[in-house]
Amino acid sequence: TISRDNAKNTLNLQLDSLKPEDTAVYYCAARTAYST
């Protein structure tokens, strides 16, 4: 589940029911968006 809190400048990712194939380096990314 992805979520964000703009008041705290924070992006979250809740990972449940994890599997061995989820093993990885996880990166967050940002880009300017002119549409909401």
PDB file of all heavy atoms in Angstrom:
ATOM      1  N   THR A   1       0.839  -1.192   0.000  1.00  0.00           N
ATOM      2  CA  THR A   1       0.000   0.000   0.000  1.00  0.00           C
ATOM      3  C   THR A   1       0.875   1.243   0.000  1.00  0.00           C
ATOM      4  O   THR A   1       1.702   1.419   0.902  1.00  0.00           O
ATOM      5  CB  THR A   1      -0.920   0.028   1.226  1.00  0.00           C
ATOM      6  OG1 THR A   1      -1.710  -1.172   1.271  1.00  0.00           O
ATOM      7  CG2 THR A   1      -1.850   1.232   1.165  1.00  0.00           C
ATOM      8  N   ILE A   2       0.693   2.081  -1.001  1.00  0.00           N
ATOM      9  CA  ILE A   2       1.418   3.339  -1.074  1.00  0.00           C
ATOM     10  C   ILE A   2       0.553   4.444  -0.500  1.00  0.00           C
ATOM     11  O   ILE A   2      -0.676   4.446  -0.665  1.00  0.00           O
ATOM     12  CB  ILE A   2       1.830   3.659  -2.537  1.00  0.00           C
ATOM     13  CG1 ILE A   2       2.783   4.851  -2.596  1.00  0.00           C
ATOM     14  CG2 ILE A   2       0.612   3.872  -3.419  1.00  0.00           C
ATOM     15  CD1 ILE A   2       3.369   5.089  -3.985  1.00  0.00           C
ATOM     16  N   SER A   3       1.194   5.381   0.196  1.00  0.00           N
ATOM     17  CA  SER A   3       0.466   6.521   0.749  1.00  0.00           C
ATOM     18  C   SER A   3       1.441   7.687   0.894  1.00  0.00           C
ATOM     19  O   SER A   3       2.657   7.494   0.830  1.00  0.00           O
ATOM     20  CB  SER A   3      -0.165   6.172   2.105  1.00  0.00           C
ATOM     21  OG  SER A   3       0.841   5.860   3.064  1.00  0.00           O
ATOM     22  N   ARG A   4       0.897   8.856   1.101  1.00  0.00           N
ATOM     23  CA  ARG A   4       1.741  10.026   1.285  1.00  0.00           C
ATOM     24  C   ARG A   4       1.094  10.974   2.277  1.00  0.00           C
ATOM     25  O   ARG A   4      -0.131  11.007   2.422  1.00  0.00           O
ATOM     26  CB  ARG A   4       1.989  10.738  -0.047  1.00  0.00           C
ATOM     27  CG  ARG A   4       0.769  11.335  -0.690  1.00  0.00           C
ATOM     28  CD  ARG A   4       1.081  11.824  -2.106  1.00  0.00           C
ATOM     29  NE  ARG A   4       2.025  12.948  -2.087  1.00  0.00           N
ATOM     30  CZ  ARG A   4       2.667  13.378  -3.168  1.00  0.00           C
ATOM     31  NH1 ARG A   4       2.503  12.768  -4.331  1.00  0.00           N
ATOM     32  NH2 ARG A   4       3.499  14.416  -3.081  1.00  0.00           N
ATOM     33  N   ASP A   5       1.926  11.758   2.952  1.00  0.00           N
ATOM     34  CA  ASP A   5       1.470  12.789   3.874  1.00  0.00           C
ATOM     35  C   ASP A   5       2.175  14.073   3.450  1.00  0.00           C
ATOM     36  O   ASP A   5       3.344  14.288   3.775  1.00  0.00           O
ATOM     37  CB  ASP A   5       1.822  12.408   5.312  1.00  0.00           C
ATOM     38  CG  ASP A   5       1.267  13.388   6.327  1.00  0.00           C
ATOM     39  OD1 ASP A   5       0.980  14.546   5.952  1.00  0.00           O
ATOM     40  OD2 ASP A   5       1.137  13.016   7.494  1.00  0.00           O
ATOM     41  N   ASN A   6       1.472  14.908   2.711  1.00  0.00           N
ATOM     42  CA  ASN A   6       2.100  16.119   2.178  1.00  0.00           C
ATOM     43  C   ASN A   6       2.484  17.094   3.287  1.00  0.00           C
ATOM     44  O   ASN A   6       3.429  17.874   3.131  1.00  0.00           O
ATOM     45  CB  ASN A   6       1.174  16.790   1.171  1.00  0.00           C
ATOM     46  CG  ASN A   6       1.082  16.009  -0.130  1.00  0.00           C
ATOM     47  OD1 ASN A   6       1.903  15.127  -0.413  1.00  0.00           O
ATOM     48  ND2 ASN A   6       0.077  16.318  -0.931  1.00  0.00           N
ATOM     49  N   ALA A   7       1.775  17.074   4.395  1.00  0.00           N
ATOM     50  CA  ALA A   7       2.108  17.974   5.509  1.00  0.00           C
ATOM     51  C   ALA A   7       3.446  17.604   6.146  1.00  0.00           C
ATOM     52  O   ALA A   7       4.118  18.455   6.726  1.00  0.00           O
ATOM     53  CB  ALA A   7       1.005  17.940   6.554  1.00  0.00           C
ATOM     54  N   LYS A   8       3.827  16.312   6.030  1.00  0.00           N
ATOM     55  CA  LYS A   8       5.074  15.833   6.606  1.00  0.00           C
ATOM     56  C   LYS A   8       6.137  15.540   5.554  1.00  0.00           C
ATOM     57  O   LYS A   8       7.190  14.991   5.873  1.00  0.00           O
ATOM     58  CB  LYS A   8       4.816  14.579   7.440  1.00  0.00           C
ATOM     59  CG  LYS A   8       3.909  14.815   8.639  1.00  0.00           C
ATOM     60  CD  LYS A   8       3.709  13.546   9.447  1.00  0.00           C
ATOM     61  CE  LYS A   8       2.829  13.797  10.657  1.00  0.00           C
ATOM     62  NZ  LYS A   8       2.598  12.564  11.456  1.00  0.00           N
ATOM     63  N   ASN A   9       5.845  15.892   4.294  1.00  0.00           N
ATOM     64  CA  ASN A   9       6.792  15.648   3.200  1.00  0.00           C
ATOM     65  C   ASN A   9       7.243  14.191   3.153  1.00  0.00           C
ATOM     66  O   ASN A   9       8.425  13.903   2.934  1.00  0.00           O
ATOM     67  CB  ASN A   9       8.027  16.554   3.334  1.00  0.00           C
ATOM     68  CG  ASN A   9       7.734  17.997   2.997  1.00  0.00           C
ATOM     69  OD1 ASN A   9       6.582  18.383   2.827  1.00  0.00           O
ATOM     70  ND2 ASN A   9       8.765  18.803   2.915  1.00  0.00           N
ATOM     71  N   THR A  10       6.311  13.284   3.345  1.00  0.00           N
ATOM     72  CA  THR A  10       6.655  11.869   3.490  1.00  0.00           C
ATOM     73  C   THR A  10       5.837  10.988   2.557  1.00  0.00           C
ATOM     74  O   THR A  10       4.627  11.163   2.426  1.00  0.00           O
ATOM     75  CB  THR A  10       6.438  11.410   4.937  1.00  0.00           C
ATOM     76  OG1 THR A  10       7.249  12.190   5.809  1.00  0.00           O
ATOM     77  CG2 THR A  10       6.813   9.943   5.102  1.00  0.00           C
ATOM     78  N   LEU A  11       6.532  10.045   1.943  1.00  0.00           N
ATOM     79  CA  LEU A  11       5.932   8.995   1.132  1.00  0.00           C
ATOM     80  C   LEU A  11       6.142   7.671   1.859  1.00  0.00           C
ATOM     81  O   LEU A  11       7.220   7.427   2.390  1.00  0.00           O
ATOM     82  CB  LEU A  11       6.603   8.940  -0.244  1.00  0.00           C
ATOM     83  CG  LEU A  11       6.188   7.812  -1.178  1.00  0.00           C
ATOM     84  CD1 LEU A  11       4.794   8.069  -1.724  1.00  0.00           C
ATOM     85  CD2 LEU A  11       7.198   7.662  -2.315  1.00  0.00           C
ATOM     86  N   ASN A  12       5.116   6.842   1.899  1.00  0.00           N
ATOM     87  CA  ASN A  12       5.208   5.567   2.598  1.00  0.00           C
ATOM     88  C   ASN A  12       4.885   4.400   1.667  1.00  0.00           C
ATOM     89  O   ASN A  12       4.164   4.558   0.683  1.00  0.00           O
ATOM     90  CB  ASN A  12       4.235   5.533   3.777  1.00  0.00           C
ATOM     91  CG  ASN A  12       4.508   6.619   4.785  1.00  0.00           C
ATOM     92  OD1 ASN A  12       5.601   6.713   5.343  1.00  0.00           O
ATOM     93  ND2 ASN A  12       3.524   7.466   5.030  1.00  0.00           N
ATOM     94  N   LEU A  13       5.409   3.243   2.023  1.00  0.00           N
ATOM     95  CA  LEU A  13       5.041   2.007   1.333  1.00  0.00           C
ATOM     96  C   LEU A  13       4.919   0.921   2.400  1.00  0.00           C
ATOM     97  O   LEU A  13       5.901   0.551   3.028  1.00  0.00           O
ATOM     98  CB  LEU A  13       6.077   1.606   0.288  1.00  0.00           C
ATOM     99  CG  LEU A  13       5.701   0.396  -0.567  1.00  0.00           C
ATOM    100  CD1 LEU A  13       4.515   0.731  -1.471  1.00  0.00           C
ATOM    101  CD2 LEU A  13       6.889  -0.084  -1.398  1.00  0.00           C
ATOM    102  N   GLN A  14       3.699   0.448   2.612  1.00  0.00           N
ATOM    103  CA  GLN A  14       3.436  -0.648   3.539  1.00  0.00           C
ATOM    104  C   GLN A  14       3.556  -1.959   2.781  1.00  0.00           C
ATOM    105  O   GLN A  14       2.850  -2.156   1.784  1.00  0.00           O
ATOM    106  CB  GLN A  14       2.043  -0.504   4.146  1.00  0.00           C
ATOM    107  CG  GLN A  14       1.647  -1.629   5.090  1.00  0.00           C
ATOM    108  CD  GLN A  14       2.448  -1.618   6.378  1.00  0.00           C
ATOM    109  OE1 GLN A  14       2.799  -0.560   6.885  1.00  0.00           O
ATOM    110  NE2 GLN A  14       2.717  -2.809   6.913  1.00  0.00           N
ATOM    111  N   LEU A  15       4.433  -2.822   3.231  1.00  0.00           N
ATOM    112  CA  LEU A  15       4.676  -4.096   2.578  1.00  0.00           C
ATOM    113  C   LEU A  15       4.160  -5.212   3.487  1.00  0.00           C
ATOM    114  O   LEU A  15       4.701  -5.439   4.566  1.00  0.00           O
ATOM    115  CB  LEU A  15       6.169  -4.314   2.337  1.00  0.00           C
ATOM    116  CG  LEU A  15       6.920  -3.446   1.318  1.00  0.00           C
ATOM    117  CD1 LEU A  15       7.032  -2.005   1.769  1.00  0.00           C
ATOM    118  CD2 LEU A  15       8.291  -4.017   1.021  1.00  0.00           C
ATOM    119  N   ASP A  16       3.106  -5.880   3.086  1.00  0.00           N
ATOM    120  CA  ASP A  16       2.534  -6.989   3.844  1.00  0.00           C
ATOM    121  C   ASP A  16       2.694  -8.299   3.081  1.00  0.00           C
ATOM    122  O   ASP A  16       2.897  -8.302   1.870  1.00  0.00           O
ATOM    123  CB  ASP A  16       1.058  -6.716   4.124  1.00  0.00           C
ATOM    124  CG  ASP A  16       0.828  -5.508   5.016  1.00  0.00           C
ATOM    125  OD1 ASP A  16       1.617  -5.309   5.957  1.00  0.00           O
ATOM    126  OD2 ASP A  16      -0.139  -4.767   4.769  1.00  0.00           O
ATOM    127  N   SER A  17       2.577  -9.389   3.805  1.00  0.00           N
ATOM    128  CA  SER A  17       2.661 -10.728   3.206  1.00  0.00           C
ATOM    129  C   SER A  17       3.889 -10.849   2.307  1.00  0.00           C
ATOM    130  O   SER A  17       3.808 -11.297   1.155  1.00  0.00           O
ATOM    131  CB  SER A  17       1.390 -11.024   2.400  1.00  0.00           C
ATOM    132  OG  SER A  17       0.238 -10.922   3.196  1.00  0.00           O
ATOM    133  N   LEU A  18       5.019 -10.472   2.848  1.00  0.00           N
ATOM    134  CA  LEU A  18       6.242 -10.433   2.056  1.00  0.00           C
ATOM    135  C   LEU A  18       6.668 -11.818   1.609  1.00  0.00           C
ATOM    136  O   LEU A  18       6.491 -12.810   2.330  1.00  0.00           O
ATOM    137  CB  LEU A  18       7.355  -9.757   2.844  1.00  0.00           C
ATOM    138  CG  LEU A  18       7.274  -8.223   2.847  1.00  0.00           C
ATOM    139  CD1 LEU A  18       8.084  -7.634   3.983  1.00  0.00           C
ATOM    140  CD2 LEU A  18       7.733  -7.669   1.510  1.00  0.00           C
ATOM    141  N   LYS A  19       7.237 -11.875   0.419  1.00  0.00           N
ATOM    142  CA  LYS A  19       7.716 -13.107  -0.193  1.00  0.00           C
ATOM    143  C   LYS A  19       9.214 -12.973  -0.477  1.00  0.00           C
ATOM    144  O   LYS A  19       9.722 -11.866  -0.646  1.00  0.00           O
ATOM    145  CB  LYS A  19       6.978 -13.362  -1.506  1.00  0.00           C
ATOM    146  CG  LYS A  19       5.470 -13.401  -1.395  1.00  0.00           C
ATOM    147  CD  LYS A  19       4.824 -13.548  -2.762  1.00  0.00           C
ATOM    148  CE  LYS A  19       3.311 -13.565  -2.691  1.00  0.00           C
ATOM    149  NZ  LYS A  19       2.680 -13.700  -4.025  1.00  0.00           N
ATOM    150  N   PRO A  20       9.908 -14.089  -0.594  1.00  0.00           N
ATOM    151  CA  PRO A  20      11.339 -14.009  -0.925  1.00  0.00           C
ATOM    152  C   PRO A  20      11.605 -13.233  -2.216  1.00  0.00           C
ATOM    153  O   PRO A  20      12.627 -12.537  -2.318  1.00  0.00           O
ATOM    154  CB  PRO A  20      11.745 -15.474  -1.056  1.00  0.00           C
ATOM    155  CG  PRO A  20      10.799 -16.204  -0.150  1.00  0.00           C
ATOM    156  CD  PRO A  20       9.494 -15.463  -0.276  1.00  0.00           C
ATOM    157  N   GLU A  21      10.705 -13.303  -3.165  1.00  0.00           N
ATOM    158  CA  GLU A  21      10.906 -12.587  -4.428  1.00  0.00           C
ATOM    159  C   GLU A  21      10.736 -11.080  -4.294  1.00  0.00           C
ATOM    160  O   GLU A  21      10.974 -10.343  -5.251  1.00  0.00           O
ATOM    161  CB  GLU A  21       9.964 -13.123  -5.515  1.00  0.00           C
ATOM    162  CG  GLU A  21       8.511 -13.199  -5.118  1.00  0.00           C
ATOM    163  CD  GLU A  21       8.110 -14.597  -4.642  1.00  0.00           C
ATOM    164  OE1 GLU A  21       8.886 -15.229  -3.876  1.00  0.00           O
ATOM    165  OE2 GLU A  21       6.999 -15.041  -5.028  1.00  0.00           O
ATOM    166  N   ASP A  22      10.312 -10.609  -3.130  1.00  0.00           N
ATOM    167  CA  ASP A  22      10.265  -9.168  -2.870  1.00  0.00           C
ATOM    168  C   ASP A  22      11.622  -8.621  -2.443  1.00  0.00           C
ATOM    169  O   ASP A  22      11.766  -7.404  -2.287  1.00  0.00           O
ATOM    170  CB  ASP A  22       9.236  -8.857  -1.780  1.00  0.00           C
ATOM    171  CG  ASP A  22       7.815  -9.187  -2.197  1.00  0.00           C
ATOM    172  OD1 ASP A  22       7.451  -8.909  -3.355  1.00  0.00           O
ATOM    173  OD2 ASP A  22       7.063  -9.723  -1.350  1.00  0.00           O
ATOM    174  N   THR A  23      12.590  -9.496  -2.250  1.00  0.00           N
ATOM    175  CA  THR A  23      13.929  -9.059  -1.869  1.00  0.00           C
ATOM    176  C   THR A  23      14.506  -8.143  -2.940  1.00  0.00           C
ATOM    177  O   THR A  23      14.572  -8.504  -4.115  1.00  0.00           O
ATOM    178  CB  THR A  23      14.855 -10.278  -1.674  1.00  0.00           C
ATOM    179  OG1 THR A  23      14.386 -11.038  -0.552  1.00  0.00           O
ATOM    180  CG2 THR A  23      16.292  -9.831  -1.426  1.00  0.00           C
ATOM    181  N   ALA A  24      14.890  -6.941  -2.527  1.00  0.00           N
ATOM    182  CA  ALA A  24      15.390  -5.944  -3.479  1.00  0.00           C
ATOM    183  C   ALA A  24      15.816  -4.693  -2.713  1.00  0.00           C
ATOM    184  O   ALA A  24      15.508  -4.537  -1.529  1.00  0.00           O
ATOM    185  CB  ALA A  24      14.304  -5.577  -4.490  1.00  0.00           C
ATOM    186  N   VAL A  25      16.494  -3.821  -3.428  1.00  0.00           N
ATOM    187  CA  VAL A  25      16.693  -2.452  -2.946  1.00  0.00           C
ATOM    188  C   VAL A  25      15.505  -1.642  -3.445  1.00  0.00           C
ATOM    189  O   VAL A  25      15.192  -1.661  -4.637  1.00  0.00           O
ATOM    190  CB  VAL A  25      18.011  -1.854  -3.461  1.00  0.00           C
ATOM    191  CG1 VAL A  25      18.159  -0.416  -2.973  1.00  0.00           C
ATOM    192  CG2 VAL A  25      19.196  -2.698  -2.987  1.00  0.00           C
ATOM    193  N   TYR A  26      14.858  -0.963  -2.520  1.00  0.00           N
ATOM    194  CA  TYR A  26      13.672  -0.173  -2.849  1.00  0.00           C
ATOM    195  C   TYR A  26      14.044   1.305  -2.914  1.00  0.00           C
ATOM    196  O   TYR A  26      14.688   1.833  -1.998  1.00  0.00           O
ATOM    197  CB  TYR A  26      12.578  -0.407  -1.803  1.00  0.00           C
ATOM    198  CG  TYR A  26      11.892  -1.733  -1.975  1.00  0.00           C
ATOM    199  CD1 TYR A  26      12.551  -2.935  -1.681  1.00  0.00           C
ATOM    200  CD2 TYR A  26      10.585  -1.811  -2.454  1.00  0.00           C
ATOM    201  CE1 TYR A  26      11.926  -4.161  -1.853  1.00  0.00           C
ATOM    202  CE2 TYR A  26       9.955  -3.034  -2.634  1.00  0.00           C
ATOM    203  CZ  TYR A  26      10.633  -4.195  -2.338  1.00  0.00           C
ATOM    204  OH  TYR A  26      10.004  -5.404  -2.524  1.00  0.00           O
ATOM    205  N   TYR A  27      13.606   1.943  -3.994  1.00  0.00           N
ATOM    206  CA  TYR A  27      13.911   3.338  -4.240  1.00  0.00           C
ATOM    207  C   TYR A  27      12.627   4.160  -4.317  1.00  0.00           C
ATOM    208  O   TYR A  27      11.656   3.727  -4.940  1.00  0.00           O
ATOM    209  CB  TYR A  27      14.654   3.510  -5.561  1.00  0.00           C
ATOM    210  CG  TYR A  27      15.971   2.799  -5.654  1.00  0.00           C
ATOM    211  CD1 TYR A  27      16.035   1.491  -6.129  1.00  0.00           C
ATOM    212  CD2 TYR A  27      17.151   3.434  -5.297  1.00  0.00           C
ATOM    213  CE1 TYR A  27      17.245   0.825  -6.229  1.00  0.00           C
ATOM    214  CE2 TYR A  27      18.369   2.778  -5.399  1.00  0.00           C
ATOM    215  CZ  TYR A  27      18.407   1.480  -5.864  1.00  0.00           C
ATOM    216  OH  TYR A  27      19.613   0.826  -5.971  1.00  0.00           O
ATOM    217  N   CYS A  28      12.638   5.349  -3.740  1.00  0.00           N
ATOM    218  CA  CYS A  28      11.545   6.278  -3.997  1.00  0.00           C
ATOM    219  C   CYS A  28      11.996   7.273  -5.063  1.00  0.00           C
ATOM    220  O   CYS A  28      13.194   7.524  -5.233  1.00  0.00           O
ATOM    221  CB  CYS A  28      11.082   6.997  -2.729  1.00  0.00           C
ATOM    222  SG  CYS A  28      12.226   8.181  -2.051  1.00  0.00           S
ATOM    223  N   ALA A  29      11.048   7.795  -5.789  1.00  0.00           N
ATOM    224  CA  ALA A  29      11.326   8.692  -6.898  1.00  0.00           C
ATOM    225  C   ALA A  29      10.284   9.797  -6.934  1.00  0.00           C
ATOM    226  O   ALA A  29       9.134   9.593  -6.512  1.00  0.00           O
ATOM    227  CB  ALA A  29      11.329   7.919  -8.215  1.00  0.00           C
ATOM    228  N   ALA A  30      10.688  10.944  -7.472  1.00  0.00           N
ATOM    229  CA  ALA A  30       9.803  12.107  -7.524  1.00  0.00           C
ATOM    230  C   ALA A  30       9.943  12.822  -8.858  1.00  0.00           C
ATOM    231  O   ALA A  30      11.012  12.829  -9.467  1.00  0.00           O
ATOM    232  CB  ALA A  30      10.138  13.067  -6.384  1.00  0.00           C
ATOM    233  N   ARG A  31       8.860  13.425  -9.273  1.00  0.00           N
ATOM    234  CA  ARG A  31       8.896  14.303 -10.430  1.00  0.00           C
ATOM    235  C   ARG A  31       7.818  15.351 -10.271  1.00  0.00           C
ATOM    236  O   ARG A  31       6.757  15.090  -9.691  1.00  0.00           O
ATOM    237  CB  ARG A  31       8.714  13.550 -11.745  1.00  0.00           C
ATOM    238  CG  ARG A  31       7.382  12.874 -11.903  1.00  0.00           C
ATOM    239  CD  ARG A  31       7.047  12.666 -13.357  1.00  0.00           C
ATOM    240  NE  ARG A  31       6.737  13.926 -14.036  1.00  0.00           N
ATOM    241  CZ  ARG A  31       6.784  14.086 -15.345  1.00  0.00           C
ATOM    242  NH1 ARG A  31       7.140  13.071 -16.124  1.00  0.00           N
ATOM    243  NH2 ARG A  31       6.471  15.247 -15.882  1.00  0.00           N
ATOM    244  N   THR A  32       8.057  16.519 -10.810  1.00  0.00           N
ATOM    245  CA  THR A  32       7.068  17.569 -10.783  1.00  0.00           C
ATOM    246  C   THR A  32       5.857  17.159 -11.625  1.00  0.00           C
ATOM    247  O   THR A  32       6.013  16.599 -12.712  1.00  0.00           O
ATOM    248  CB  THR A  32       7.651  18.872 -11.337  1.00  0.00           C
ATOM    249  OG1 THR A  32       8.775  19.252 -10.541  1.00  0.00           O
ATOM    250  CG2 THR A  32       6.613  19.988 -11.293  1.00  0.00           C
ATOM    251  N   ALA A  33       4.680  17.392 -11.084  1.00  0.00           N
ATOM    252  CA  ALA A  33       3.446  17.086 -11.803  1.00  0.00           C
ATOM    253  C   ALA A  33       2.543  18.306 -11.756  1.00  0.00           C
ATOM    254  O   ALA A  33       2.266  18.827 -10.678  1.00  0.00           O
ATOM    255  CB  ALA A  33       2.753  15.881 -11.182  1.00  0.00           C
ATOM    256  N   TYR A  34       2.095  18.767 -12.904  1.00  0.00           N
ATOM    257  CA  TYR A  34       1.277  19.967 -12.951  1.00  0.00           C
ATOM    258  C   TYR A  34      -0.210  19.667 -12.820  1.00  0.00           C
ATOM    259  O   TYR A  34      -1.019  20.572 -12.671  1.00  0.00           O
ATOM    260  CB  TYR A  34       1.593  20.756 -14.215  1.00  0.00           C
ATOM    261  CG  TYR A  34       3.025  21.236 -14.219  1.00  0.00           C
ATOM    262  CD1 TYR A  34       4.007  20.562 -14.936  1.00  0.00           C
ATOM    263  CD2 TYR A  34       3.410  22.320 -13.438  1.00  0.00           C
ATOM    264  CE1 TYR A  34       5.326  20.977 -14.894  1.00  0.00           C
ATOM    265  CE2 TYR A  34       4.728  22.741 -13.392  1.00  0.00           C
ATOM    266  CZ  TYR A  34       5.681  22.069 -14.127  1.00  0.00           C
ATOM    267  OH  TYR A  34       6.980  22.470 -14.085  1.00  0.00           O
ATOM    268  N   SER A  35      -0.517  18.382 -12.841  1.00  0.00           N
ATOM    269  CA  SER A  35      -1.886  17.942 -12.577  1.00  0.00           C
ATOM    270  C   SER A  35      -1.909  17.175 -11.262  1.00  0.00           C
ATOM    271  O   SER A  35      -0.963  16.460 -10.929  1.00  0.00           O
ATOM    272  CB  SER A  35      -2.379  17.031 -13.710  1.00  0.00           C
ATOM    273  OG  SER A  35      -3.586  16.401 -13.349  1.00  0.00           O
ATOM    274  N   THR A  36      -2.988  17.317 -10.524  1.00  0.00           N
ATOM    275  CA  THR A  36      -3.129  16.552  -9.285  1.00  0.00           C
ATOM    276  C   THR A  36      -3.679  15.159  -9.542  1.00  0.00           C
ATOM    277  O   THR A  36      -3.773  14.348  -8.624  1.00  0.00           O
ATOM    278  CB  THR A  36      -4.073  17.288  -8.311  1.00  0.00           C
ATOM    279  OG1 THR A  36      -5.351  17.434  -8.942  1.00  0.00           O
ATOM    280  CG2 THR A  36      -3.533  18.649  -7.942  1.00  0.00           C
TER     281      THR A  36
END
